[in-house]
Amino acid sequence: MRLAPNPRTLLSTLLLFLPTLTPALSIDCSHVLIDSTSFNLSPLGGPHHVSHIEELNDPPETVNTTYTLDICSPLRRSKGVPQEEECENGTRVCGIRRTFDHSTHTTSFTPMQIAGDYPHTSGRSLDPKWQRLKPASSGIRLEMHGGKLPPPHGRKQMAVIDFLCPAAAAETAAATDGEEGEGDGEEGAGLRFVGYGPAEEEEGKETDVLRLEWRTRYACEGSIGKGGKGKGGHWGFFTWFILIAFLGTASYLIFHSWLNYNRYGARGWDLVPHGDTIRDMPYLLKDWGRRVVDTVQGGGSRGGYSAV
């Protein structure tokens, strides 16, 4: 005798697996819609790194923290790296803090899970939030949540990434006589560490915030559809030219074939306009090719006469 499944049990099972499905739907880098403006950030996908070094006096230590982020998909584990030196699965922003103690000459590693989806540990999600910077032409901002340090019941963590449009940033720097940031001009090198510490807002004092700046042309308005290719517009012109030429030729042949059929009752090759020329095209090309070969292999300055 088979027992009917309990609806409450089925519902609980679905709710249990639901959090594991949400990360895949969290960020669509190819279509980021903010205030009716679309941005394509898919070329920025993949892991990117930025480092920050601190020198401490008491105790004498050197702290080197490397932050790795992937805004489009969770970070993958590295082969050969111990699990305790990496962040959990589902992490989007991970910090690895390497602390060198000058008194004992030892190095310790501390993983920092800044942002990601952790449904089975802390229960927090990425919860990405997009907004335009002021002025709107200067770029966009992404907030990502989910991390805790130490996991799973420590202080809340979040990452704030400002994607700056290079043109707007250059205008601002020129107006304020400011200096250019490190690594300007390269998409990967445009990532810059700004700061890490407690949130400034009164309600966010229990949250540590990692602030980064990313200078990239994909944060500019109108960058959608470029797909990372600076010469994509030229290909679009030639594509349209070939398409229009093909449609025009096809329309010409179809119209004249219909005209020859209705006016003269033509059949076969007689239907096609310039049918004799089209039919003789292979022979014409063959004859033209033979003449080219004869010209290339001719006697040159001997006027076509071969040496005896």
Foldseek 3Di string as FASTA:
>chain_A
DDDDDDPVVVVVVCVLCVLVPCQLVQDDQQFDAEPNFTFRRVVVFDKAKDWDWDADVVPGKIKIKIKIFGPNFWDDDDPPDDPQQEDDTFAGIKIWIWIAGPVVRDIDIHIWRAFGRDCPWQNFHQNKDKHADVVNQQFIKIKTWDTAVPPDPHFTHIEIETEGEVVVVVVVCVVVVHDDDFPPPDQRRQKAWDDWQFDPDPVGRSYIYTYIYGYDNSRGGPCNPCVPPPPVVVVVVVVVVVVVVVVVVVVVQVVQLVVCCVPVVDDDLSSGVVSVCVVCVVVVVVVVVVVVVCVVPAPPPVVRDDDD
